[in-house]
Amino acid sequence: MPSLLPILIGGCATVGFILIVAASRYRRVYLWRAIGSLLLSLPLGIISYMYVGIRLARTHNLSRFYSWPFGGEHIGRDGPLIASALVFVGMWFVVLFGASSLLLKPSGLDRRR
């Protein structure tokens, strides 16, 4: 039986990708692209945060996770971990929303407004 985390990551990625691509059919194109970008940036941000933390720990020869940009190797609370993960999610959101706004043009409904 699969655990809940891969199901949530797969669901967020699938629904986010569908909303970004299909947003041109809805009335508020940029709102739906923002929601899709947020849903898609959650798994991408967390996976890239984990990858960077593991790579930095191996680079510095540490036996534990290295939290970047907040916390470093001395992590005593969950606050720096959550803040660092949110930085990565925010970076992916900006990239995805910017790319979807540049690459996918809105339909005629949104241009009239």
PDB file of N, CA and C in Angstrom:
ATOM      1  N   MET A   1       0.845  -1.181   0.000  1.00  0.00           N
ATOM      2  CA  MET A   1       0.000   0.000   0.000  1.00  0.00           C
ATOM      3  C   MET A   1       0.891   1.245   0.000  1.00  0.00           C
ATOM      4  N   PRO A   2       0.674   2.146  -0.941  1.00  0.00           N
ATOM      5  CA  PRO A   2       1.517   3.351  -0.999  1.00  0.00           C
ATOM      6  C   PRO A   2       1.207   4.302   0.163  1.00  0.00           C
ATOM      7  N   SER A   3       2.224   5.057   0.523  1.00  0.00           N
ATOM      8  CA  SER A   3       2.023   6.029   1.598  1.00  0.00           C
ATOM      9  C   SER A   3       1.318   7.272   1.054  1.00  0.00           C
ATOM     10  N   LEU A   4       0.974   8.159   1.926  1.00  0.00           N
ATOM     11  CA  LEU A   4       0.173   9.322   1.558  1.00  0.00           C
ATOM     12  C   LEU A   4       0.987  10.399   0.837  1.00  0.00           C
ATOM     13  N   LEU A   5       2.259  10.558   1.180  1.00  0.00           N
ATOM     14  CA  LEU A   5       3.067  11.629   0.602  1.00  0.00           C
ATOM     15  C   LEU A   5       3.245  11.507  -0.917  1.00  0.00           C
ATOM     16  N   PRO A   6       3.591  10.340  -1.469  1.00  0.00           N
ATOM     17  CA  PRO A   6       3.682  10.261  -2.930  1.00  0.00           C
ATOM     18  C   PRO A   6       2.357  10.503  -3.643  1.00  0.00           C
ATOM     19  N   ILE A   7       1.278  10.123  -3.018  1.00  0.00           N
ATOM     20  CA  ILE A   7      -0.041  10.370  -3.610  1.00  0.00           C
ATOM     21  C   ILE A   7      -0.338  11.864  -3.641  1.00  0.00           C
ATOM     22  N   LEU A   8      -0.029  12.578  -2.551  1.00  0.00           N
ATOM     23  CA  LEU A   8      -0.239  14.026  -2.517  1.00  0.00           C
ATOM     24  C   LEU A   8       0.671  14.751  -3.511  1.00  0.00           C
ATOM     25  N   ILE A   9       1.926  14.328  -3.603  1.00  0.00           N
ATOM     26  CA  ILE A   9       2.851  14.957  -4.545  1.00  0.00           C
ATOM     27  C   ILE A   9       2.387  14.727  -5.974  1.00  0.00           C
ATOM     28  N   GLY A  10       2.002  13.513  -6.288  1.00  0.00           N
ATOM     29  CA  GLY A  10       1.507  13.217  -7.633  1.00  0.00           C
ATOM     30  C   GLY A  10       0.223  13.954  -7.955  1.00  0.00           C
ATOM     31  N   GLY A  11      -0.672  14.051  -6.989  1.00  0.00           N
ATOM     32  CA  GLY A  11      -1.919  14.788  -7.209  1.00  0.00           C
ATOM     33  C   GLY A  11      -1.699  16.269  -7.429  1.00  0.00           C
ATOM     34  N   CYS A  12      -0.838  16.876  -6.612  1.00  0.00           N
ATOM     35  CA  CYS A  12      -0.534  18.305  -6.787  1.00  0.00           C
ATOM     36  C   CYS A  12       0.121  18.574  -8.132  1.00  0.00           C
ATOM     37  N   ALA A  13       1.052  17.709  -8.518  1.00  0.00           N
ATOM     38  CA  ALA A  13       1.741  17.906  -9.792  1.00  0.00           C
ATOM     39  C   ALA A  13       0.785  17.742 -10.973  1.00  0.00           C
ATOM     40  N   THR A  14      -0.066  16.740 -10.921  1.00  0.00           N
ATOM     41  CA  THR A  14      -0.993  16.493 -12.026  1.00  0.00           C
ATOM     42  C   THR A  14      -2.017  17.608 -12.158  1.00  0.00           C
ATOM     43  N   VAL A  15      -2.656  17.964 -11.057  1.00  0.00           N
ATOM     44  CA  VAL A  15      -3.681  19.015 -11.104  1.00  0.00           C
ATOM     45  C   VAL A  15      -3.054  20.364 -11.446  1.00  0.00           C
ATOM     46  N   GLY A  16      -1.871  20.643 -10.920  1.00  0.00           N
ATOM     47  CA  GLY A  16      -1.190  21.891 -11.241  1.00  0.00           C
ATOM     48  C   GLY A  16      -0.847  21.999 -12.708  1.00  0.00           C
ATOM     49  N   PHE A  17      -0.323  20.927 -13.289  1.00  0.00           N
ATOM     50  CA  PHE A  17       0.009  20.939 -14.709  1.00  0.00           C
ATOM     51  C   PHE A  17      -1.239  21.104 -15.572  1.00  0.00           C
ATOM     52  N   ILE A  18      -2.305  20.416 -15.209  1.00  0.00           N
ATOM     53  CA  ILE A  18      -3.561  20.540 -15.970  1.00  0.00           C
ATOM     54  C   ILE A  18      -4.099  21.961 -15.884  1.00  0.00           C
ATOM     55  N   LEU A  19      -4.074  22.579 -14.711  1.00  0.00           N
ATOM     56  CA  LEU A  19      -4.578  23.948 -14.569  1.00  0.00           C
ATOM     57  C   LEU A  19      -3.752  24.955 -15.351  1.00  0.00           C
ATOM     58  N   ILE A  20      -2.433  24.767 -15.393  1.00  0.00           N
ATOM     59  CA  ILE A  20      -1.595  25.692 -16.154  1.00  0.00           C
ATOM     60  C   ILE A  20      -1.906  25.594 -17.640  1.00  0.00           C
ATOM     61  N   VAL A  21      -2.014  24.378 -18.148  1.00  0.00           N
ATOM     62  CA  VAL A  21      -2.242  24.183 -19.578  1.00  0.00           C
ATOM     63  C   VAL A  21      -3.663  24.563 -19.980  1.00  0.00           C
ATOM     64  N   ALA A  22      -4.645  24.215 -19.167  1.00  0.00           N
ATOM     65  CA  ALA A  22      -6.041  24.447 -19.526  1.00  0.00           C
ATOM     66  C   ALA A  22      -6.565  25.800 -19.069  1.00  0.00           C
ATOM     67  N   ALA A  23      -5.737  26.645 -18.490  1.00  0.00           N
ATOM     68  CA  ALA A  23      -6.205  27.918 -17.946  1.00  0.00           C
ATOM     69  C   ALA A  23      -6.724  28.854 -19.018  1.00  0.00           C
ATOM     70  N   SER A  24      -6.269  28.699 -20.257  1.00  0.00           N
ATOM     71  CA  SER A  24      -6.711  29.615 -21.315  1.00  0.00           C
ATOM     72  C   SER A  24      -8.185  29.430 -21.656  1.00  0.00           C
ATOM     73  N   ARG A  25      -8.793  28.366 -21.215  1.00  0.00           N
ATOM     74  CA  ARG A  25     -10.223  28.127 -21.476  1.00  0.00           C
ATOM     75  C   ARG A  25     -11.128  28.755 -20.425  1.00  0.00           C
ATOM     76  N   TYR A  26     -10.544  29.209 -19.331  1.00  0.00           N
ATOM     77  CA  TYR A  26     -11.339  29.799 -18.262  1.00  0.00           C
ATOM     78  C   TYR A  26     -11.360  31.317 -18.373  1.00  0.00           C
ATOM     79  N   ARG A  27     -12.231  31.930 -17.591  1.00  0.00           N
ATOM     80  CA  ARG A  27     -12.407  33.374 -17.675  1.00  0.00           C
ATOM     81  C   ARG A  27     -11.229  34.145 -17.071  1.00  0.00           C
ATOM     82  N   ARG A  28     -10.791  33.766 -15.904  1.00  0.00           N
ATOM     83  CA  ARG A  28      -9.663  34.444 -15.245  1.00  0.00           C
ATOM     84  C   ARG A  28      -8.397  33.600 -15.435  1.00  0.00           C
ATOM     85  N   VAL A  29      -7.738  33.838 -16.543  1.00  0.00           N
ATOM     86  CA  VAL A  29      -6.608  33.014 -16.954  1.00  0.00           C
ATOM     87  C   VAL A  29      -5.470  33.070 -15.949  1.00  0.00           C
ATOM     88  N   TYR A  30      -5.091  34.254 -15.525  1.00  0.00           N
ATOM     89  CA  TYR A  30      -3.935  34.401 -14.644  1.00  0.00           C
ATOM     90  C   TYR A  30      -4.203  33.862 -13.249  1.00  0.00           C
ATOM     91  N   LEU A  31      -5.421  33.909 -12.777  1.00  0.00           N
ATOM     92  CA  LEU A  31      -5.757  33.321 -11.483  1.00  0.00           C
ATOM     93  C   LEU A  31      -5.582  31.810 -11.522  1.00  0.00           C
ATOM     94  N   TRP A  32      -6.092  31.171 -12.573  1.00  0.00           N
ATOM     95  CA  TRP A  32      -5.971  29.715 -12.685  1.00  0.00           C
ATOM     96  C   TRP A  32      -4.531  29.291 -12.928  1.00  0.00           C
ATOM     97  N   ARG A  33      -3.772  30.105 -13.666  1.00  0.00           N
ATOM     98  CA  ARG A  33      -2.353  29.795 -13.849  1.00  0.00           C
ATOM     99  C   ARG A  33      -1.593  29.950 -12.540  1.00  0.00           C
ATOM    100  N   ALA A  34      -1.973  30.916 -11.714  1.00  0.00           N
ATOM    101  CA  ALA A  34      -1.329  31.087 -10.414  1.00  0.00           C
ATOM    102  C   ALA A  34      -1.634  29.904  -9.500  1.00  0.00           C
ATOM    103  N   ILE A  35      -2.878  29.443  -9.494  1.00  0.00           N
ATOM    104  CA  ILE A  35      -3.244  28.289  -8.674  1.00  0.00           C
ATOM    105  C   ILE A  35      -2.515  27.044  -9.167  1.00  0.00           C
ATOM    106  N   GLY A  36      -2.472  26.847 -10.479  1.00  0.00           N
ATOM    107  CA  GLY A  36      -1.755  25.707 -11.043  1.00  0.00           C
ATOM    108  C   GLY A  36      -0.263  25.777 -10.763  1.00  0.00           C
ATOM    109  N   SER A  37       0.316  26.978 -10.856  1.00  0.00           N
ATOM    110  CA  SER A  37       1.741  27.140 -10.566  1.00  0.00           C
ATOM    111  C   SER A  37       2.035  26.857  -9.100  1.00  0.00           C
ATOM    112  N   LEU A  38       1.143  27.265  -8.212  1.00  0.00           N
ATOM    113  CA  LEU A  38       1.339  26.996  -6.788  1.00  0.00           C
ATOM    114  C   LEU A  38       1.266  25.503  -6.494  1.00  0.00           C
ATOM    115  N   LEU A  39       0.272  24.826  -7.090  1.00  0.00           N
ATOM    116  CA  LEU A  39       0.153  23.388  -6.860  1.00  0.00           C
ATOM    117  C   LEU A  39       1.343  22.622  -7.431  1.00  0.00           C
ATOM    118  N   LEU A  40       1.849  23.055  -8.568  1.00  0.00           N
ATOM    119  CA  LEU A  40       2.995  22.387  -9.167  1.00  0.00           C
ATOM    120  C   LEU A  40       4.298  22.756  -8.470  1.00  0.00           C
ATOM    121  N   SER A  41       4.374  23.944  -7.877  1.00  0.00           N
ATOM    122  CA  SER A  41       5.611  24.347  -7.206  1.00  0.00           C
ATOM    123  C   SER A  41       5.784  23.672  -5.845  1.00  0.00           C
ATOM    124  N   LEU A  42       4.716  23.186  -5.233  1.00  0.00           N
ATOM    125  CA  LEU A  42       4.848  22.501  -3.938  1.00  0.00           C
ATOM    126  C   LEU A  42       5.731  21.262  -4.029  1.00  0.00           C
ATOM    127  N   PRO A  43       5.428  20.291  -4.902  1.00  0.00           N
ATOM    128  CA  PRO A  43       6.328  19.133  -4.955  1.00  0.00           C
ATOM    129  C   PRO A  43       7.702  19.471  -5.526  1.00  0.00           C
ATOM    130  N   LEU A  44       7.762  20.361  -6.514  1.00  0.00           N
ATOM    131  CA  LEU A  44       9.060  20.719  -7.091  1.00  0.00           C
ATOM    132  C   LEU A  44       9.954  21.415  -6.065  1.00  0.00           C
ATOM    133  N   GLY A  45       9.369  22.316  -5.273  1.00  0.00           N
ATOM    134  CA  GLY A  45      10.133  23.036  -4.261  1.00  0.00           C
ATOM    135  C   GLY A  45      10.643  22.126  -3.164  1.00  0.00           C
ATOM    136  N   ILE A  46       9.810  21.221  -2.704  1.00  0.00           N
ATOM    137  CA  ILE A  46      10.213  20.332  -1.613  1.00  0.00           C
ATOM    138  C   ILE A  46      11.262  19.328  -2.089  1.00  0.00           C
ATOM    139  N   ILE A  47      11.085  18.801  -3.297  1.00  0.00           N
ATOM    140  CA  ILE A  47      12.065  17.852  -3.826  1.00  0.00           C
ATOM    141  C   ILE A  47      13.406  18.542  -4.076  1.00  0.00           C
ATOM    142  N   SER A  48      13.380  19.746  -4.639  1.00  0.00           N
ATOM    143  CA  SER A  48      14.649  20.442  -4.880  1.00  0.00           C
ATOM    144  C   SER A  48      15.297  20.878  -3.559  1.00  0.00           C
ATOM    145  N   TYR A  49      14.510  21.230  -2.547  1.00  0.00           N
ATOM    146  CA  TYR A  49      15.051  21.565  -1.226  1.00  0.00           C
ATOM    147  C   TYR A  49      15.746  20.359  -0.609  1.00  0.00           C
ATOM    148  N   MET A  50      15.121  19.201  -0.719  1.00  0.00           N
ATOM    149  CA  MET A  50      15.738  17.985  -0.184  1.00  0.00           C
ATOM    150  C   MET A  50      17.014  17.640  -0.951  1.00  0.00           C
ATOM    151  N   TYR A  51      16.995  17.788  -2.260  1.00  0.00           N
ATOM    152  CA  TYR A  51      18.173  17.480  -3.073  1.00  0.00           C
ATOM    153  C   TYR A  51      19.336  18.410  -2.721  1.00  0.00           C
ATOM    154  N   VAL A  52      19.064  19.704  -2.639  1.00  0.00           N
ATOM    155  CA  VAL A  52      20.127  20.666  -2.309  1.00  0.00           C
ATOM    156  C   VAL A  52      20.666  20.408  -0.901  1.00  0.00           C
ATOM    157  N   GLY A  53      19.799  20.112   0.039  1.00  0.00           N
ATOM    158  CA  GLY A  53      20.246  19.845   1.411  1.00  0.00           C
ATOM    159  C   GLY A  53      21.124  18.614   1.508  1.00  0.00           C
ATOM    160  N   ILE A  54      20.785  17.566   0.780  1.00  0.00           N
ATOM    161  CA  ILE A  54      21.591  16.352   0.800  1.00  0.00           C
ATOM    162  C   ILE A  54      22.927  16.586   0.099  1.00  0.00           C
ATOM    163  N   ARG A  55      22.908  17.288  -1.030  1.00  0.00           N
ATOM    164  CA  ARG A  55      24.155  17.565  -1.756  1.00  0.00           C
ATOM    165  C   ARG A  55      25.092  18.456  -0.927  1.00  0.00           C
ATOM    166  N   LEU A  56      24.551  19.448  -0.250  1.00  0.00           N
ATOM    167  CA  LEU A  56      25.392  20.308   0.594  1.00  0.00           C
ATOM    168  C   LEU A  56      25.972  19.537   1.773  1.00  0.00           C
ATOM    169  N   ALA A  57      25.185  18.632   2.354  1.00  0.00           N
ATOM    170  CA  ALA A  57      25.694  17.822   3.463  1.00  0.00           C
ATOM    171  C   ALA A  57      26.836  16.925   2.994  1.00  0.00           C
ATOM    172  N   ARG A  58      26.688  16.359   1.814  1.00  0.00           N
ATOM    173  CA  ARG A  58      27.774  15.515   1.295  1.00  0.00           C
ATOM    174  C   ARG A  58      28.994  16.343   0.938  1.00  0.00           C
ATOM    175  N   THR A  59      28.790  17.559   0.435  1.00  0.00           N
ATOM    176  CA  THR A  59      29.917  18.428   0.088  1.00  0.00           C
ATOM    177  C   THR A  59      30.708  18.823   1.329  1.00  0.00           C
ATOM    178  N   HIS A  60      30.016  19.099   2.433  1.00  0.00           N
ATOM    179  CA  HIS A  60      30.670  19.519   3.679  1.00  0.00           C
ATOM    180  C   HIS A  60      31.022  18.340   4.586  1.00  0.00           C
ATOM    181  N   ASN A  61      30.862  17.112   4.107  1.00  0.00           N
ATOM    182  CA  ASN A  61      31.151  15.887   4.867  1.00  0.00           C
ATOM    183  C   ASN A  61      30.401  15.843   6.194  1.00  0.00           C
ATOM    184  N   LEU A  62      29.123  16.148   6.141  1.00  0.00           N
ATOM    185  CA  LEU A  62      28.284  16.097   7.334  1.00  0.00           C
ATOM    186  C   LEU A  62      27.459  14.821   7.310  1.00  0.00           C
ATOM    187  N   SER A  63      27.124  14.336   8.473  1.00  0.00           N
ATOM    188  CA  SER A  63      26.308  13.129   8.554  1.00  0.00           C
ATOM    189  C   SER A  63      24.821  13.439   8.691  1.00  0.00           C
ATOM    190  N   ARG A  64      24.478  14.703   8.628  1.00  0.00           N
ATOM    191  CA  ARG A  64      23.064  15.084   8.761  1.00  0.00           C
ATOM    192  C   ARG A  64      22.679  16.057   7.661  1.00  0.00           C
ATOM    193  N   PHE A  65      21.402  16.319   7.551  1.00  0.00           N
ATOM    194  CA  PHE A  65      20.840  17.181   6.520  1.00  0.00           C
ATOM    195  C   PHE A  65      21.326  18.622   6.709  1.00  0.00           C
ATOM    196  N   TYR A  66      21.624  19.305   5.620  1.00  0.00           N
ATOM    197  CA  TYR A  66      22.071  20.697   5.661  1.00  0.00           C
ATOM    198  C   TYR A  66      20.952  21.576   5.100  1.00  0.00           C
ATOM    199  N   SER A  67      20.353  22.384   5.939  1.00  0.00           N
ATOM    200  CA  SER A  67      19.234  23.229   5.528  1.00  0.00           C
ATOM    201  C   SER A  67      19.750  24.543   4.967  1.00  0.00           C
ATOM    202  N   TRP A  68      19.413  24.805   3.711  1.00  0.00           N
ATOM    203  CA  TRP A  68      19.814  26.049   3.068  1.00  0.00           C
ATOM    204  C   TRP A  68      18.585  26.757   2.561  1.00  0.00           C
ATOM    205  N   PRO A  69      18.362  28.027   2.736  1.00  0.00           N
ATOM    206  CA  PRO A  69      19.210  29.106   3.190  1.00  0.00           C
ATOM    207  C   PRO A  69      19.140  29.373   4.686  1.00  0.00           C
ATOM    208  N   PHE A  70      18.226  28.735   5.420  1.00  0.00           N
ATOM    209  CA  PHE A  70      18.100  28.998   6.853  1.00  0.00           C
ATOM    210  C   PHE A  70      18.437  27.739   7.643  1.00  0.00           C
ATOM    211  N   GLY A  71      19.119  27.898   8.745  1.00  0.00           N
ATOM    212  CA  GLY A  71      19.378  26.784   9.643  1.00  0.00           C
ATOM    213  C   GLY A  71      20.747  26.178   9.538  1.00  0.00           C
ATOM    214  N   GLY A  72      21.210  25.921   8.333  1.00  0.00           N
ATOM    215  CA  GLY A  72      22.511  25.291   8.165  1.00  0.00           C
ATOM    216  C   GLY A  72      22.519  23.882   8.715  1.00  0.00           C
ATOM    217  N   GLU A  73      23.627  23.500   9.333  1.00  0.00           N
ATOM    218  CA  GLU A  73      23.721  22.156   9.906  1.00  0.00           C
ATOM    219  C   GLU A  73      23.165  22.084  11.325  1.00  0.00           C
ATOM    220  N   HIS A  74      22.942  23.220  11.950  1.00  0.00           N
ATOM    221  CA  HIS A  74      22.447  23.262  13.325  1.00  0.00           C
ATOM    222  C   HIS A  74      20.942  23.509  13.317  1.00  0.00           C
ATOM    223  N   ILE A  75      20.190  22.465  13.168  1.00  0.00           N
ATOM    224  CA  ILE A  75      18.735  22.581  13.124  1.00  0.00           C
ATOM    225  C   ILE A  75      18.176  22.014  14.423  1.00  0.00           C
ATOM    226  N   GLY A  76      17.564  22.868  15.208  1.00  0.00           N
ATOM    227  CA  GLY A  76      16.990  22.419  16.464  1.00  0.00           C
ATOM    228  C   GLY A  76      15.473  22.487  16.469  1.00  0.00           C
ATOM    229  N   ARG A  77      14.919  23.260  15.558  1.00  0.00           N
ATOM    230  CA  ARG A  77      13.462  23.430  15.511  1.00  0.00           C
ATOM    231  C   ARG A  77      12.979  23.246  14.072  1.00  0.00           C
ATOM    232  N   ASP A  78      11.677  23.223  13.899  1.00  0.00           N
ATOM    233  CA  ASP A  78      11.101  23.063  12.571  1.00  0.00           C
ATOM    234  C   ASP A  78      10.985  24.383  11.817  1.00  0.00           C
ATOM    235  N   GLY A  79      11.111  25.495  12.497  1.00  0.00           N
ATOM    236  CA  GLY A  79      10.955  26.802  11.858  1.00  0.00           C
ATOM    237  C   GLY A  79      11.896  27.046  10.694  1.00  0.00           C
ATOM    238  N   PRO A  80      13.215  26.850  10.881  1.00  0.00           N
ATOM    239  CA  PRO A  80      14.128  27.058   9.752  1.00  0.00           C
ATOM    240  C   PRO A  80      13.889  26.092   8.594  1.00  0.00           C
ATOM    241  N   LEU A  81      13.471  24.879   8.902  1.00  0.00           N
ATOM    242  CA  LEU A  81      13.179  23.908   7.844  1.00  0.00           C
ATOM    243  C   LEU A  81      11.987  24.351   7.003  1.00  0.00           C
ATOM    244  N   ILE A  82      10.938  24.791   7.664  1.00  0.00           N
ATOM    245  CA  ILE A  82       9.737  25.228   6.948  1.00  0.00           C
ATOM    246  C   ILE A  82      10.022  26.497   6.161  1.00  0.00           C
ATOM    247  N   ALA A  83      10.757  27.431   6.760  1.00  0.00           N
ATOM    248  CA  ALA A  83      11.086  28.677   6.054  1.00  0.00           C
ATOM    249  C   ALA A  83      11.949  28.397   4.826  1.00  0.00           C
ATOM    250  N   SER A  84      12.913  27.491   4.949  1.00  0.00           N
ATOM    251  CA  SER A  84      13.764  27.157   3.805  1.00  0.00           C
ATOM    252  C   SER A  84      12.965  26.463   2.708  1.00  0.00           C
ATOM    253  N   ALA A  85      12.079  25.555   3.082  1.00  0.00           N
ATOM    254  CA  ALA A  85      11.241  24.884   2.084  1.00  0.00           C
ATOM    255  C   ALA A  85      10.327  25.881   1.379  1.00  0.00           C
ATOM    256  N   LEU A  86       9.809  26.855   2.121  1.00  0.00           N
ATOM    257  CA  LEU A  86       8.946  27.872   1.508  1.00  0.00           C
ATOM    258  C   LEU A  86       9.716  28.770   0.546  1.00  0.00           C
ATOM    259  N   VAL A  87      11.008  28.989   0.814  1.00  0.00           N
ATOM    260  CA  VAL A  87      11.838  29.756  -0.126  1.00  0.00           C
ATOM    261  C   VAL A  87      11.936  29.019  -1.457  1.00  0.00           C
ATOM    262  N   PHE A  88      12.169  27.718  -1.396  1.00  0.00           N
ATOM    263  CA  PHE A  88      12.253  26.932  -2.630  1.00  0.00           C
ATOM    264  C   PHE A  88      10.910  26.866  -3.352  1.00  0.00           C
ATOM    265  N   VAL A  89       9.815  26.713  -2.609  1.00  0.00           N
ATOM    266  CA  VAL A  89       8.482  26.700  -3.227  1.00  0.00           C
ATOM    267  C   VAL A  89       8.206  28.048  -3.885  1.00  0.00           C
ATOM    268  N   GLY A  90       8.582  29.130  -3.224  1.00  0.00           N
ATOM    269  CA  GLY A  90       8.390  30.463  -3.798  1.00  0.00           C
ATOM    270  C   GLY A  90       9.197  30.682  -5.060  1.00  0.00           C
ATOM    271  N   MET A  91      10.436  30.186  -5.067  1.00  0.00           N
ATOM    272  CA  MET A  91      11.253  30.316  -6.280  1.00  0.00           C
ATOM    273  C   MET A  91      10.645  29.544  -7.444  1.00  0.00           C
ATOM    274  N   TRP A  92      10.172  28.331  -7.186  1.00  0.00           N
ATOM    275  CA  TRP A  92       9.540  27.550  -8.253  1.00  0.00           C
ATOM    276  C   TRP A  92       8.239  28.198  -8.713  1.00  0.00           C
ATOM    277  N   PHE A  93       7.488  28.804  -7.780  1.00  0.00           N
ATOM    278  CA  PHE A  93       6.245  29.474  -8.161  1.00  0.00           C
ATOM    279  C   PHE A  93       6.523  30.627  -9.122  1.00  0.00           C
ATOM    280  N   VAL A  94       7.527  31.429  -8.813  1.00  0.00           N
ATOM    281  CA  VAL A  94       7.871  32.560  -9.685  1.00  0.00           C
ATOM    282  C   VAL A  94       8.294  32.067 -11.069  1.00  0.00           C
ATOM    283  N   VAL A  95       9.107  31.032 -11.103  1.00  0.00           N
ATOM    284  CA  VAL A  95       9.573  30.495 -12.387  1.00  0.00           C
ATOM    285  C   VAL A  95       8.415  29.922 -13.195  1.00  0.00           C
ATOM    286  N   LEU A  96       7.560  29.124 -12.552  1.00  0.00           N
ATOM    287  CA  LEU A  96       6.458  28.491 -13.279  1.00  0.00           C
ATOM    288  C   LEU A  96       5.411  29.499 -13.730  1.00  0.00           C
ATOM    289  N   PHE A  97       5.074  30.449 -12.863  1.00  0.00           N
ATOM    290  CA  PHE A  97       4.071  31.434 -13.243  1.00  0.00           C
ATOM    291  C   PHE A  97       4.603  32.343 -14.346  1.00  0.00           C
ATOM    292  N   GLY A  98       5.860  32.736 -14.242  1.00  0.00           N
ATOM    293  CA  GLY A  98       6.452  33.568 -15.290  1.00  0.00           C
ATOM    294  C   GLY A  98       6.532  32.840 -16.618  1.00  0.00           C
ATOM    295  N   ALA A  99       6.935  31.568 -16.580  1.00  0.00           N
ATOM    296  CA  ALA A  99       7.035  30.798 -17.821  1.00  0.00           C
ATOM    297  C   ALA A  99       5.664  30.543 -18.426  1.00  0.00           C
ATOM    298  N   SER A 100       4.676  30.252 -17.594  1.00  0.00           N
ATOM    299  CA  SER A 100       3.337  30.005 -18.141  1.00  0.00           C
ATOM    300  C   SER A 100       2.719  31.290 -18.678  1.00  0.00           C
ATOM    301  N   SER A 101       3.029  32.413 -18.099  1.00  0.00           N
ATOM    302  CA  SER A 101       2.489  33.675 -18.605  1.00  0.00           C
ATOM    303  C   SER A 101       3.172  34.098 -19.903  1.00  0.00           C
ATOM    304  N   LEU A 102       4.446  33.744 -20.061  1.00  0.00           N
ATOM    305  CA  LEU A 102       5.156  34.099 -21.283  1.00  0.00           C
ATOM    306  C   LEU A 102       4.858  33.142 -22.430  1.00  0.00           C
ATOM    307  N   LEU A 103       4.772  31.857 -22.126  1.00  0.00           N
ATOM    308  CA  LEU A 103       4.635  30.857 -23.181  1.00  0.00           C
ATOM    309  C   LEU A 103       3.199  30.631 -23.624  1.00  0.00           C
ATOM    310  N   LEU A 104       2.268  30.654 -22.702  1.00  0.00           N
ATOM    311  CA  LEU A 104       0.869  30.368 -23.024  1.00  0.00           C
ATOM    312  C   LEU A 104       0.091  31.673 -23.074  1.00  0.00           C
ATOM    313  N   LYS A 105      -0.384  32.012 -24.230  1.00  0.00           N
ATOM    314  CA  LYS A 105      -1.134  33.262 -24.404  1.00  0.00           C
ATOM    315  C   LYS A 105      -2.593  33.067 -23.994  1.00  0.00           C
ATOM    316  N   PRO A 106      -3.214  34.085 -23.373  1.00  0.00           N
ATOM    317  CA  PRO A 106      -4.624  33.969 -23.002  1.00  0.00           C
ATOM    318  C   PRO A 106      -5.518  33.983 -24.229  1.00  0.00           C
ATOM    319  N   SER A 107      -6.689  33.413 -24.067  1.00  0.00           N
ATOM    320  CA  SER A 107      -7.640  33.354 -25.180  1.00  0.00           C
ATOM    321  C   SER A 107      -8.317  34.716 -25.367  1.00  0.00           C
ATOM    322  N   GLY A 108      -9.209  34.805 -26.324  1.00  0.00           N
ATOM    323  CA  GLY A 108      -9.882  36.058 -26.632  1.00  0.00           C
ATOM    324  C   GLY A 108     -10.766  36.564 -25.517  1.00  0.00           C
ATOM    325  N   LEU A 109     -11.283  35.694 -24.660  1.00  0.00           N
ATOM    326  CA  LEU A 109     -12.143  36.117 -23.553  1.00  0.00           C
ATOM    327  C   LEU A 109     -11.386  37.032 -22.580  1.00  0.00           C
ATOM    328  N   ASP A 110     -10.161  36.667 -22.273  1.00  0.00           N
ATOM    329  CA  ASP A 110      -9.412  37.448 -21.291  1.00  0.00           C
ATOM    330  C   ASP A 110      -8.847  38.736 -21.885  1.00  0.00           C
ATOM    331  N   ARG A 111      -8.631  38.787 -23.179  1.00  0.00           N
ATOM    332  CA  ARG A 111      -8.062  39.984 -23.802  1.00  0.00           C
ATOM    333  C   ARG A 111      -9.070  41.134 -23.850  1.00  0.00           C
ATOM    334  N   ARG A 112     -10.363  40.818 -23.856  1.00  0.00           N
ATOM    335  CA  ARG A 112     -11.383  41.870 -23.917  1.00  0.00           C
ATOM    336  C   ARG A 112     -11.512  42.622 -22.615  1.00  0.00           C
ATOM    337  N   ARG A 113     -11.039  42.093 -21.525  1.00  0.00           N
ATOM    338  CA  ARG A 113     -11.203  42.742 -20.220  1.00  0.00           C
ATOM    339  C   ARG A 113     -10.205  43.805 -19.999  1.00  0.00           C
TER     340      ARG A 113
END
